[in-house]
Each structure stands twice: as C-alpha cells, then as structure tokens.
Amino acid sequence: MKKEDKITVLCQIVNQIIDDNQLPDEDAIRKILEEKVKTKEEIRVCLASVIEKELQKAIKSGQICEENAGMYWSVFDKSIKKSEIGNMPVKELSDILIKKFVLQAGKVYEMDRTRLKCFTGMLQTGLNKMSEEDMLGFIPEKHVYKNYLMCLDRGIRYIENPYTVEETEKIREWIDLHTNDIRGLALGLWFAGDVSMEEIANMKMEDGHNDIFRKWERSRFIARALELHPQNGNYVFMIINDREWEKVTAQGLMMKLYHVSNKLGIKYKRVNRNEAIACKE
C-alpha cells in the first residue's frame, strides 16, 4: 500500500472514532483530517486521472465500442498518462499549456488523423468535466481540435451557432426565398459552418473548388453566387457598386445578418468576422 493510501485509511479510521464520540474536540480534529484528505486528493487530480475515469465510463457505457477501446487506451497511455502536462496539478494548468499539449500531439500523430482526433476527443472530455466541477482557473476551448490545429494558418476561431435551431431554420428559409441576394447567399454559406465571414468575403474563384466547399450544402450557395456576376470576376461573392463589380465585405455580411434577424423578429446575435460555426464531424 502506498504511503498516501495509508494516510487516507488512517484518516478514515480516526474519523470513525470521532463519529463514535471517543475523542475530545471533535470538530477541530475532524476539520484537520478532512483538509489533509482533501489536500491529498487535490495533488492526485490531474488531466490524466480525470480523462482515465471518463474513458472508463465511455467504454463501459458503450459510447466507445470495444473494437476501438484498445486504440483509445494506447493513445491515452502514450500521450496523456506519460506526459508532463497530463500529470500536472490542476492549479498549474492554463489555456496556453493546453494549446501546447495539443500541438505536441499534432506533431506525434501528424500522419494519423484518427489517433489525433482520439487524443483531442479525450482531452476535450477531460477539460469539460474539470470545467463542470469548477477545477480549472480558466475557461477551456470548446473545440480544441479545430481551434488549436485546423485553423492555425486560417486565423479563425470556431464557435457554437449563436442562434437556436428554430432561429437558424427561419434564417435559412429566408435565404432560400431570396436566392438573388448575394449577401444572403454568403450568409447561407456561413451557417453551413466551418468558414468565417472574412473568408467568405475574400473567397476567390479558385477557392470554390477546395474540398471544404464541395458538399452540396455549401456548393449550392457558391454556384448560385457565381451565376449572379460576370465570369471574369475575381471573387465568388460580388456586388455592383457605382456600376462596378466589387467583392462583399465581412462588415457588410455582419450588417446583413443584423437586418435579416430584425426582419424575422429574431434577436440579433453578434459574431466576429473571424468566427466560424463548428461543424460536428
């Protein structure tokens, strides 16, 4: 039995004696003992310990199927349990350290997207649990995989859709009824997710062929936008201004969202030009 475990057992025994009214100054002694146990527990709590418990629960509940359990345990042992950051006391963790942790894993699993997502999925679960239990001294990212790895060169930040499902449906219906409105089409692309308003405004003709825009939900907005301006235009989303074609601006798209929201009786939710709705893969 480890020394820490012996101390814990001893504390439990003494607590029992106190419960049986066999020692004086019960409240004072109980407080000291509880603080000692709490201190020992705090030292043991770290990312690795929290993630391990959550991983066990996920496998037991069937959330992670048995055939994938081995891969999860392998990634956990290699990149979390044996890591410095994974074993740091909770109070020492910070957003910068978590970012460093993810980037380290990105290098290790550079050629293995599956294991990288496995790592970030476990990390996200652990951070969420620690946040719920109010263990952290910072607010963790809700999309560590995307915000720390996927958008390093794009300069964007992933967010949850600020509009409810019902509000989003109303906005999408308005967009589908106004397919000649170029800014409306751009908003449709933004609500499709994974792309910011800044990126949409600066999207050039050749960008429309990138993998992210090939799915029907996104490609239909791009195809319709291209039908509304000359083929020799440099950008996908263009409007006429003083008889000349020019690209839309991120500010213009933000204003469009404001006006559409008001027109539909929906409270406008402000978003930044570099924010994109995170799509669940």
Protein backbone atom coordinates (compact mmCIF):
# COMPACT_ATOMS: atom_id res chain seq x y z
CA MET A 1 0.00 0.00 0.00
CA LYS A 2 1.32 3.44 -0.97
CA LYS A 3 2.13 5.97 1.74
CA GLU A 4 -0.65 8.30 0.56
CA ASP A 5 -3.18 5.47 0.73
CA LYS A 6 -2.07 4.56 4.25
CA ILE A 7 -2.60 8.15 5.36
CA THR A 8 -6.06 8.17 3.80
CA VAL A 9 -7.03 4.93 5.55
CA LEU A 10 -5.70 6.25 8.86
CA CYS A 11 -7.75 9.41 8.45
CA GLN A 12 -10.85 7.33 7.77
CA ILE A 13 -10.25 5.25 10.89
CA VAL A 14 -9.79 8.32 13.08
CA ASN A 15 -12.92 9.84 11.54
CA GLN A 16 -14.81 6.73 12.54
CA ILE A 17 -13.52 7.04 16.11
CA ILE A 18 -14.74 10.63 16.16
CA ASP A 19 -18.16 9.52 14.91
CA ASP A 20 -18.29 7.13 17.87
CA ASN A 21 -17.63 10.01 20.30
CA GLN A 22 -14.37 8.57 21.61
CA LEU A 23 -12.18 11.70 21.22
CA PRO A 24 -12.47 15.29 22.53
CA ASP A 25 -12.57 18.43 20.33
CA GLU A 26 -14.29 16.53 17.57
CA ASP A 27 -14.97 19.47 15.24
CA ALA A 28 -11.40 20.75 15.30
CA ILE A 29 -9.88 17.31 14.74
CA ARG A 30 -12.38 16.45 12.00
CA LYS A 31 -11.58 19.67 10.16
CA ILE A 32 -7.85 18.97 10.24
CA LEU A 33 -8.32 15.43 8.98
CA GLU A 34 -10.71 16.45 6.20
CA GLU A 35 -8.28 19.11 4.99
CA LYS A 36 -5.46 16.57 4.91
CA VAL A 37 -7.54 14.14 2.85
CA LYS A 38 -8.67 16.93 0.55
CA THR A 39 -5.09 18.07 0.03
CA LYS A 40 -4.01 14.55 -0.89
CA GLU A 41 -6.92 14.25 -3.34
CA GLU A 42 -6.09 17.60 -4.98
CA ILE A 43 -2.49 16.51 -5.53
CA ARG A 44 -3.66 13.35 -7.28
CA VAL A 45 -6.17 15.12 -9.55
CA CYS A 46 -4.73 15.94 -12.95
CA LEU A 47 -5.80 15.75 -16.58
CA ALA A 48 -4.66 12.14 -16.84
CA SER A 49 -6.64 11.00 -13.79
CA VAL A 50 -9.83 12.76 -14.91
CA ILE A 51 -9.54 11.54 -18.51
CA GLU A 52 -8.87 7.98 -17.35
CA LYS A 53 -12.11 7.92 -15.34
CA GLU A 54 -14.11 9.42 -18.21
CA LEU A 55 -12.57 6.95 -20.66
CA GLN A 56 -13.53 4.02 -18.45
CA LYS A 57 -17.09 5.35 -18.26
CA ALA A 58 -17.30 5.85 -22.02
CA ILE A 59 -16.16 2.29 -22.72
CA LYS A 60 -18.42 0.77 -20.06
CA SER A 61 -21.48 2.65 -21.38
CA GLY A 62 -20.74 1.64 -24.97
CA GLN A 63 -20.08 5.21 -26.10
CA ILE A 64 -16.71 3.90 -27.27
CA CYS A 65 -17.11 0.48 -28.88
CA GLU A 66 -14.92 -2.41 -27.76
CA GLU A 67 -13.05 -2.62 -31.07
CA ASN A 68 -11.83 0.96 -30.63
CA ALA A 69 -11.10 0.73 -26.91
CA GLY A 70 -7.58 -0.58 -27.49
CA MET A 71 -6.69 2.41 -29.67
CA TYR A 72 -8.03 4.85 -27.08
CA TRP A 73 -6.06 3.22 -24.27
CA SER A 74 -2.93 3.20 -26.44
CA VAL A 75 -3.21 6.93 -27.16
CA PHE A 76 -4.07 7.65 -23.54
CA ASP A 77 -1.03 5.77 -22.20
CA LYS A 78 1.41 7.22 -24.74
CA SER A 79 0.31 10.84 -24.99
CA ILE A 80 -1.60 11.63 -21.80
CA LYS A 81 -0.71 9.31 -18.93
CA LYS A 82 3.04 9.54 -19.57
CA SER A 83 3.07 13.24 -20.46
CA GLU A 84 4.24 16.10 -18.28
CA ILE A 85 1.18 18.27 -18.91
CA GLY A 86 -1.18 15.35 -18.39
CA ASN A 87 0.21 14.85 -14.88
CA MET A 88 0.43 18.47 -13.77
CA PRO A 89 -1.58 19.54 -10.71
CA VAL A 90 -4.86 21.11 -11.79
CA LYS A 91 -3.92 24.55 -10.45
CA GLU A 92 -0.91 24.73 -12.78
CA LEU A 93 -2.90 24.16 -15.98
CA SER A 94 -3.59 27.08 -18.33
CA ASP A 95 -5.02 27.70 -21.78
CA ILE A 96 -1.50 28.17 -23.16
CA LEU A 97 -0.37 24.81 -21.76
CA ILE A 98 -3.40 23.05 -23.24
CA LYS A 99 -2.64 24.60 -26.61
CA LYS A 100 0.95 23.39 -26.31
CA PHE A 101 -0.33 19.94 -25.34
CA VAL A 102 -2.49 19.72 -28.48
CA LEU A 103 0.29 20.99 -30.75
CA GLN A 104 2.64 18.36 -29.32
CA ALA A 105 0.10 15.65 -30.12
CA GLY A 106 -0.31 17.17 -33.58
CA LYS A 107 3.35 16.52 -34.28
CA VAL A 108 3.25 12.98 -32.86
CA TYR A 109 0.17 11.98 -34.87
CA GLU A 110 0.84 14.17 -37.90
CA MET A 111 0.20 11.27 -40.27
CA ASP A 112 -2.57 9.63 -38.21
CA ARG A 113 -5.70 11.78 -38.17
CA THR A 114 -7.72 9.07 -36.41
CA ARG A 115 -5.44 8.90 -33.37
CA LEU A 116 -5.11 12.68 -33.29
CA LYS A 117 -8.88 13.05 -33.09
CA CYS A 118 -8.88 10.30 -30.47
CA PHE A 119 -6.41 12.34 -28.38
CA THR A 120 -8.26 15.64 -28.73
CA GLY A 121 -11.59 13.94 -28.06
CA MET A 122 -10.34 12.57 -24.75
CA LEU A 123 -8.72 15.90 -23.89
CA GLN A 124 -11.95 17.77 -24.65
CA THR A 125 -13.93 15.38 -22.46
CA GLY A 126 -11.46 15.79 -19.61
CA LEU A 127 -11.47 19.58 -19.85
CA ASN A 128 -15.26 19.69 -19.99
CA LYS A 129 -15.51 17.53 -16.86
CA MET A 130 -12.96 19.64 -14.98
CA SER A 131 -14.78 22.80 -16.04
CA GLU A 132 -18.10 21.39 -14.81
CA GLU A 133 -16.50 20.57 -11.46
CA ASP A 134 -15.02 24.10 -11.30
CA MET A 135 -11.47 22.72 -11.08
CA LEU A 136 -9.88 24.98 -13.68
CA GLY A 137 -8.67 28.55 -13.33
CA PHE A 138 -9.52 29.30 -16.97
CA ILE A 139 -12.32 28.65 -19.45
CA PRO A 140 -11.24 25.86 -21.84
CA GLU A 141 -11.88 25.93 -25.57
CA LYS A 142 -14.99 24.10 -26.69
CA HIS A 143 -13.30 22.95 -29.88
CA VAL A 144 -9.68 22.23 -29.02
CA TYR A 145 -9.11 20.17 -32.18
CA LYS A 146 -10.25 22.85 -34.56
CA ASN A 147 -9.15 25.97 -32.73
CA TYR A 148 -5.66 24.67 -31.95
CA LEU A 149 -4.86 22.65 -35.06
CA MET A 150 -7.13 23.10 -38.05
CA CYS A 151 -7.16 26.89 -38.17
CA LEU A 152 -3.52 27.68 -37.41
CA ASP A 153 -2.99 29.17 -40.87
CA ARG A 154 -6.53 30.46 -41.35
CA GLY A 155 -6.68 32.76 -38.35
CA ILE A 156 -10.25 31.79 -37.47
CA ARG A 157 -11.98 30.80 -34.26
CA TYR A 158 -14.65 28.12 -34.07
CA ILE A 159 -17.83 28.83 -32.11
CA GLU A 160 -21.18 27.21 -31.41
CA ASN A 161 -24.04 28.51 -33.56
CA PRO A 162 -25.24 31.59 -31.60
CA TYR A 163 -28.77 31.12 -32.98
CA THR A 164 -31.19 28.43 -31.82
CA VAL A 165 -32.27 25.63 -34.15
CA GLU A 166 -35.62 27.36 -34.73
CA GLU A 167 -34.00 30.76 -35.40
CA THR A 168 -31.46 29.23 -37.77
CA GLU A 169 -34.24 27.46 -39.68
CA LYS A 170 -36.11 30.76 -40.11
CA ILE A 171 -32.98 32.47 -41.44
CA ARG A 172 -32.26 29.61 -43.81
CA GLU A 173 -35.82 29.73 -45.12
CA TRP A 174 -35.41 33.45 -45.79
CA ILE A 175 -32.14 32.78 -47.66
CA ASP A 176 -33.78 30.08 -49.80
CA LEU A 177 -36.54 32.53 -50.74
CA HIS A 178 -34.04 35.25 -51.73
CA THR A 179 -31.51 33.46 -53.93
CA ASN A 180 -30.82 36.69 -55.85
CA ASP A 181 -29.49 38.35 -52.72
CA ILE A 182 -25.71 37.85 -52.88
CA ARG A 183 -25.15 38.71 -49.21
CA GLY A 184 -27.96 36.34 -48.27
CA LEU A 185 -26.21 33.54 -50.14
CA ALA A 186 -22.99 34.37 -48.30
CA LEU A 187 -24.87 34.08 -45.01
CA GLY A 188 -26.16 30.70 -46.14
CA LEU A 189 -22.57 29.56 -46.62
CA TRP A 190 -21.62 30.89 -43.18
CA PHE A 191 -24.47 28.98 -41.49
CA ALA A 192 -23.30 25.82 -43.30
CA GLY A 193 -20.30 26.04 -40.98
CA ASP A 194 -16.50 25.77 -40.89
CA VAL A 195 -15.88 29.08 -42.70
CA SER A 196 -15.74 32.64 -41.34
CA MET A 197 -17.35 35.75 -42.82
CA GLU A 198 -13.88 37.14 -43.51
CA GLU A 199 -13.01 34.03 -45.51
CA ILE A 200 -16.29 34.20 -47.42
CA ALA A 201 -15.75 37.85 -48.33
CA ASN A 202 -12.22 37.12 -49.57
CA MET A 203 -13.10 33.87 -51.36
CA LYS A 204 -11.66 33.86 -54.86
CA MET A 205 -12.94 31.88 -57.81
CA GLU A 206 -10.35 29.13 -57.38
CA ASP A 207 -11.15 28.77 -53.67
CA GLY A 208 -14.60 27.48 -54.52
CA HIS A 209 -13.06 24.20 -55.65
CA ASN A 210 -11.49 23.40 -52.26
CA ASP A 211 -12.70 20.20 -50.55
CA ILE A 212 -14.48 22.11 -47.79
CA PHE A 213 -16.87 23.67 -50.34
CA ARG A 214 -17.67 20.58 -52.42
CA LYS A 215 -20.50 19.35 -50.22
CA TRP A 216 -23.95 20.19 -51.57
CA GLU A 217 -24.94 22.32 -48.58
CA ARG A 218 -22.04 24.67 -49.30
CA SER A 219 -21.56 24.28 -53.05
CA ARG A 220 -25.12 25.37 -53.89
CA PHE A 221 -24.51 28.82 -52.39
CA ILE A 222 -21.27 29.19 -54.31
CA ALA A 223 -22.80 28.01 -57.59
CA ARG A 224 -25.72 30.44 -57.27
CA ALA A 225 -23.40 33.33 -56.35
CA LEU A 226 -21.29 32.73 -59.45
CA GLU A 227 -24.42 32.94 -61.60
CA LEU A 228 -25.10 36.47 -60.35
CA HIS A 229 -21.93 38.18 -61.60
CA PRO A 230 -19.69 38.11 -64.69
CA GLN A 231 -17.46 35.08 -65.23
CA ASN A 232 -14.36 37.25 -65.20
CA GLY A 233 -14.94 38.36 -61.61
CA ASN A 234 -12.10 37.65 -59.20
CA TYR A 235 -14.25 36.79 -56.20
CA VAL A 236 -17.16 34.44 -55.60
CA PHE A 237 -19.43 36.88 -53.76
CA MET A 238 -19.56 40.17 -55.68
CA ILE A 239 -21.99 43.09 -55.88
CA ILE A 240 -22.35 46.14 -58.12
CA ASN A 241 -21.27 49.43 -56.56
CA ASP A 242 -21.32 52.58 -58.72
CA ARG A 243 -21.63 50.36 -61.82
CA GLU A 244 -18.53 48.42 -60.89
CA TRP A 245 -18.27 44.90 -59.51
CA GLU A 246 -16.60 44.53 -56.14
CA LYS A 247 -16.40 41.82 -53.51
CA VAL A 248 -18.66 41.88 -50.49
CA THR A 249 -17.09 42.75 -47.14
CA ALA A 250 -17.21 40.92 -43.82
CA GLN A 251 -18.71 44.05 -42.26
CA GLY A 252 -21.43 44.04 -44.93
CA LEU A 253 -22.26 40.40 -44.14
CA MET A 254 -22.48 41.16 -40.44
CA MET A 255 -24.87 44.02 -41.19
CA LYS A 256 -26.90 41.72 -43.44
CA LEU A 257 -27.28 39.23 -40.59
CA TYR A 258 -28.43 42.10 -38.37
CA HIS A 259 -31.13 43.23 -40.84
CA VAL A 260 -32.35 39.72 -41.64
CA SER A 261 -32.62 38.92 -37.93
CA ASN A 262 -34.66 42.08 -37.31
CA LYS A 263 -36.89 41.40 -40.31
CA LEU A 264 -37.70 37.94 -38.96
CA GLY A 265 -38.28 39.14 -35.41
CA ILE A 266 -35.19 37.37 -34.14
CA LYS A 267 -32.80 38.94 -31.66
CA TYR A 268 -29.54 39.65 -33.48
CA LYS A 269 -26.56 37.69 -32.19
CA ARG A 270 -23.32 39.50 -32.89
CA VAL A 271 -20.46 37.44 -34.31
CA ASN A 272 -16.91 38.44 -35.19
CA ARG A 273 -15.61 38.44 -38.73
CA ASN A 274 -13.10 35.67 -37.96
CA GLU A 275 -15.58 33.29 -36.28
CA ALA A 276 -16.94 30.15 -37.91
CA ILE A 277 -19.65 27.78 -36.74
CA ALA A 278 -18.06 24.49 -35.78
CA CYS A 279 -19.49 21.50 -37.63
CA LYS A 280 -19.52 18.15 -35.87
CA GLU A 281 -17.64 15.58 -37.89
